[in-house]
Amino acid sequence: MQRMSASRASSKGRQTANARTQTGNRRAQAGKAGAQQVRTQSRNGGRQATAKPLAEPGPPQSAWQRVESLPRTMGWLRFTVWMLSIIGLADASYQVYTHFSGSGLLGCSASTDSCVLVQNSSYAWIFGIPVAVYGAAFFVFMVVICSPWGWRLQQPLVRYARLAAVVIGMIFVLYLIYREVITLGQICEYCTSVHIITFLIFGLIVYDASAPRQVTPAGRQ
């Protein structure tokens, strides 16, 4: 009887020890899992804390604000070329209007005025078309190709067309100056204003074409 009691007591002791060992193992595993979860949450929390907030979209710009920002977005040189083209178009269009309407240029109403003499000469027509029409067509093309949309086009053909147009325009201007000064001995103020605008556009576009181009990471020039 004593041996059986001792055997039972020994068996219970082993069971108790095994139970305590299993409980300790469970607690240890639970502790490791909890620590791992805390570390994971800490890392995620740190990432969320360092993440930059998304930029909130600003209020929509008005039409005037978009126009006002053009010199900055286009660059002052290209914006100046565009403005000069618009002014030149207005000047040339006015001369075309007065030519076909017969109203005469403002301030040049006298028959002996230099503007009247130049614009009524045989050199004011080329292939049966008034010179002013060629000037207006040139500036229409320059207004389009030098607009913000035109400057954004990076195809070589567009750049070559812009440069070729202004070179041809400058050669045409030199021819007209020769006819005015050398052949007729007269200077038309309205024509001279168009010549000056064309010369400025020529200089700015040639300078822009010859300047080194920087390629951004996005591949834009």
Protein backbone atom coordinates (compact mmCIF):
# COMPACT_ATOMS: atom_id res chain seq x y z
CA MET A 1 0.00 0.00 0.00
CA GLN A 2 2.76 2.41 0.84
CA ARG A 3 4.47 1.65 -2.51
CA MET A 4 1.22 2.34 -4.41
CA SER A 5 0.71 5.60 -2.54
CA ALA A 6 4.26 6.66 -3.30
CA SER A 7 3.84 5.76 -6.97
CA ARG A 8 0.64 7.77 -7.22
CA ALA A 9 2.25 10.72 -5.48
CA SER A 10 5.21 10.55 -7.86
CA SER A 11 2.88 10.38 -10.89
CA LYS A 12 0.90 13.38 -9.68
CA GLY A 13 4.11 15.28 -9.14
CA ARG A 14 5.25 14.58 -12.67
CA GLN A 15 1.86 15.65 -14.06
CA THR A 16 1.97 18.84 -12.02
CA ALA A 17 5.50 19.60 -13.24
CA ASN A 18 4.47 18.92 -16.83
CA ALA A 19 1.45 21.17 -16.47
CA ARG A 20 3.61 23.95 -15.03
CA THR A 21 6.10 23.53 -17.88
CA GLN A 22 3.34 23.73 -20.49
CA THR A 23 1.86 26.79 -18.81
CA GLY A 24 5.29 28.45 -18.79
CA ASN A 25 5.78 27.65 -22.45
CA ARG A 26 2.38 29.15 -23.32
CA ARG A 27 3.17 32.26 -21.34
CA ALA A 28 6.54 32.57 -23.02
CA GLN A 29 4.98 32.19 -26.49
CA ALA A 30 2.30 34.71 -25.62
CA GLY A 31 4.95 37.12 -24.40
CA LYS A 32 6.96 36.76 -27.61
CA ALA A 33 3.85 37.29 -29.73
CA GLY A 34 2.91 40.37 -27.72
CA ALA A 35 6.40 41.82 -28.04
CA GLN A 36 6.42 41.15 -31.78
CA GLN A 37 3.05 42.89 -32.13
CA VAL A 38 4.27 45.87 -30.14
CA ARG A 39 7.38 46.16 -32.34
CA THR A 40 5.26 45.89 -35.51
CA GLN A 41 2.85 48.57 -34.29
CA SER A 42 5.78 50.76 -33.29
CA ARG A 43 7.34 50.49 -36.75
CA ASN A 44 4.04 51.16 -38.48
CA GLY A 45 3.35 54.05 -36.17
CA GLY A 46 6.76 55.51 -36.97
CA ARG A 47 6.17 55.18 -40.69
CA GLN A 48 2.80 56.83 -40.39
CA ALA A 49 4.30 59.61 -38.31
CA THR A 50 7.03 60.30 -40.84
CA ALA A 51 4.76 60.00 -43.88
CA LYS A 52 4.19 63.34 -45.58
CA PRO A 53 0.59 64.44 -45.74
CA LEU A 54 -0.91 64.67 -49.20
CA ALA A 55 -0.90 68.17 -50.59
CA GLU A 56 -4.37 69.62 -50.58
CA PRO A 57 -5.47 71.01 -53.94
CA GLY A 58 -5.48 74.77 -53.95
CA PRO A 59 -8.37 76.90 -55.08
CA PRO A 60 -8.90 77.03 -58.85
CA GLN A 61 -7.15 79.92 -60.56
CA SER A 62 -9.15 82.60 -62.29
CA ALA A 63 -8.54 83.53 -65.93
CA TRP A 64 -6.63 86.66 -64.89
CA GLN A 65 -4.41 84.66 -62.50
CA ARG A 66 -3.54 82.22 -65.29
CA VAL A 67 -2.65 85.09 -67.62
CA GLU A 68 -0.66 86.80 -64.87
CA SER A 69 1.40 83.64 -64.29
CA LEU A 70 2.33 83.23 -67.97
CA PRO A 71 5.66 85.13 -67.76
CA ARG A 72 6.75 82.75 -64.97
CA THR A 73 5.50 79.55 -66.59
CA MET A 74 6.65 80.38 -70.13
CA GLY A 75 9.81 82.29 -69.25
CA TRP A 76 10.26 86.00 -69.87
CA LEU A 77 12.02 85.58 -73.23
CA ARG A 78 9.31 83.41 -74.76
CA PHE A 79 6.54 85.48 -73.23
CA THR A 80 8.11 88.62 -74.72
CA VAL A 81 8.28 86.99 -78.16
CA TRP A 82 4.59 86.11 -77.92
CA MET A 83 3.61 89.65 -76.88
CA LEU A 84 5.68 91.18 -79.67
CA SER A 85 3.98 88.85 -82.16
CA ILE A 86 0.56 89.97 -80.95
CA ILE A 87 1.53 93.65 -81.23
CA GLY A 88 2.97 93.08 -84.69
CA LEU A 89 -0.23 91.31 -85.76
CA ALA A 90 -2.32 94.26 -84.58
CA ASP A 91 -0.07 96.72 -86.47
CA ALA A 92 -0.06 94.69 -89.70
CA SER A 93 -3.81 94.02 -89.52
CA TYR A 94 -4.49 97.75 -89.18
CA GLN A 95 -2.42 98.42 -92.29
CA VAL A 96 -4.31 95.70 -94.19
CA TYR A 97 -7.62 97.26 -93.13
CA THR A 98 -6.65 100.77 -94.22
CA HIS A 99 -5.24 99.44 -97.48
CA PHE A 100 -8.49 97.76 -98.57
CA SER A 101 -10.88 100.25 -96.98
CA GLY A 102 -9.09 103.30 -98.41
CA SER A 103 -9.51 105.15 -95.10
CA GLY A 104 -5.82 106.00 -94.87
CA LEU A 105 -3.43 105.51 -91.99
CA LEU A 106 -3.91 107.61 -88.90
CA GLY A 107 -1.68 110.69 -89.09
CA CYS A 108 -0.74 110.01 -92.73
CA SER A 109 -3.63 111.55 -94.61
CA ALA A 110 -1.65 113.94 -96.80
CA SER A 111 -0.87 112.70 -100.29
CA THR A 112 2.77 113.73 -99.93
CA ASP A 113 3.25 111.91 -96.64
CA SER A 114 5.98 109.27 -96.62
CA CYS A 115 3.61 106.52 -95.46
CA VAL A 116 1.22 107.27 -98.34
CA LEU A 117 4.05 107.37 -100.88
CA VAL A 118 5.53 104.07 -99.70
CA GLN A 119 2.27 102.15 -99.44
CA ASN A 120 1.02 103.40 -102.82
CA SER A 121 4.26 102.60 -104.62
CA SER A 122 4.74 99.66 -106.96
CA TYR A 123 6.87 97.97 -104.28
CA ALA A 124 3.90 97.77 -101.91
CA TRP A 125 2.63 94.81 -103.98
CA ILE A 126 4.29 91.44 -104.49
CA PHE A 127 2.66 88.95 -106.88
CA GLY A 128 -0.46 91.10 -106.84
CA ILE A 129 -0.81 90.89 -103.04
CA PRO A 130 -0.25 93.89 -100.72
CA VAL A 131 2.88 93.66 -98.59
CA ALA A 132 0.77 94.28 -95.48
CA VAL A 133 -1.06 90.98 -96.10
CA TYR A 134 2.24 89.09 -96.03
CA GLY A 135 3.11 90.83 -92.78
CA ALA A 136 -0.23 89.94 -91.20
CA ALA A 137 0.11 86.29 -92.27
CA PHE A 138 3.62 86.18 -90.82
CA PHE A 139 2.47 87.49 -87.46
CA VAL A 140 -0.52 85.14 -87.36
CA PHE A 141 1.89 82.24 -87.71
CA MET A 142 4.21 83.69 -85.05
CA VAL A 143 1.36 84.26 -82.58
CA VAL A 144 0.34 80.60 -82.91
CA ILE A 145 3.79 79.00 -82.87
CA CYS A 146 5.05 81.29 -80.08
CA SER A 147 1.99 80.82 -77.87
CA PRO A 148 2.26 78.83 -74.61
CA TRP A 149 0.89 75.82 -76.49
CA GLY A 150 3.40 76.30 -79.32
CA TRP A 151 6.39 76.57 -76.98
CA ARG A 152 5.37 73.37 -75.18
CA LEU A 153 5.74 71.41 -78.41
CA GLN A 154 9.27 69.99 -78.26
CA GLN A 155 9.36 68.39 -81.71
CA PRO A 156 12.42 69.50 -83.73
CA LEU A 157 10.15 70.30 -86.70
CA VAL A 158 8.32 72.94 -84.67
CA ARG A 159 11.56 74.59 -83.53
CA TYR A 160 12.94 74.59 -87.08
CA ALA A 161 9.70 76.03 -88.46
CA ARG A 162 9.77 78.84 -85.89
CA LEU A 163 13.39 79.65 -86.64
CA ALA A 164 12.94 79.40 -90.41
CA ALA A 165 9.86 81.67 -90.32
CA VAL A 166 11.64 84.41 -88.42
CA VAL A 167 14.72 84.19 -90.69
CA ILE A 168 12.54 84.52 -93.80
CA GLY A 169 10.65 87.37 -92.17
CA MET A 170 13.89 89.19 -91.41
CA ILE A 171 15.11 88.79 -95.00
CA PHE A 172 11.78 90.20 -96.22
CA VAL A 173 12.15 93.15 -93.86
CA LEU A 174 15.65 93.91 -95.14
CA TYR A 175 14.30 93.90 -98.70
CA LEU A 176 11.52 96.34 -97.78
CA ILE A 177 13.96 98.63 -95.96
CA TYR A 178 16.16 98.64 -99.06
CA ARG A 179 13.21 99.62 -101.25
CA GLU A 180 12.11 102.35 -98.86
CA VAL A 181 15.46 103.96 -98.15
CA ILE A 182 17.43 103.31 -101.34
CA THR A 183 14.82 103.08 -104.10
CA LEU A 184 12.10 105.45 -102.85
CA GLY A 185 14.06 107.56 -100.41
CA GLN A 186 11.12 107.52 -97.99
CA ILE A 187 10.50 105.95 -94.56
CA CYS A 188 7.04 104.79 -93.53
CA GLU A 189 6.63 105.00 -89.76
CA TYR A 190 4.05 102.24 -89.66
CA CYS A 191 6.25 99.98 -91.75
CA THR A 192 9.25 100.82 -89.57
CA SER A 193 7.35 99.78 -86.44
CA VAL A 194 6.68 96.37 -88.01
CA HIS A 195 10.35 96.13 -89.03
CA ILE A 196 11.53 96.84 -85.47
CA ILE A 197 9.14 94.26 -84.00
CA THR A 198 10.32 91.66 -86.52
CA PHE A 199 13.97 92.43 -85.71
CA LEU A 200 13.35 92.01 -81.96
CA ILE A 201 11.53 88.71 -82.49
CA PHE A 202 14.35 87.53 -84.74
CA GLY A 203 17.01 88.32 -82.13
CA LEU A 204 15.13 86.68 -79.26
CA ILE A 205 14.27 83.49 -81.16
CA VAL A 206 17.80 83.08 -82.49
CA TYR A 207 19.15 83.57 -78.98
CA ASP A 208 16.70 81.01 -77.58
CA ALA A 209 17.58 78.51 -80.32
CA SER A 210 21.32 78.90 -79.73
CA ALA A 211 21.12 78.70 -75.92
CA PRO A 212 22.09 75.33 -74.38
CA ARG A 213 19.10 73.27 -73.41
CA GLN A 214 18.84 71.60 -69.99
CA VAL A 215 17.04 68.27 -69.84
CA THR A 216 15.06 67.76 -66.65
CA PRO A 217 14.59 64.30 -65.04
CA ALA A 218 11.17 64.14 -66.61
CA GLY A 219 12.75 64.52 -70.03
CA ARG A 220 11.34 67.97 -70.70
CA GLN A 221 13.54 70.74 -72.06
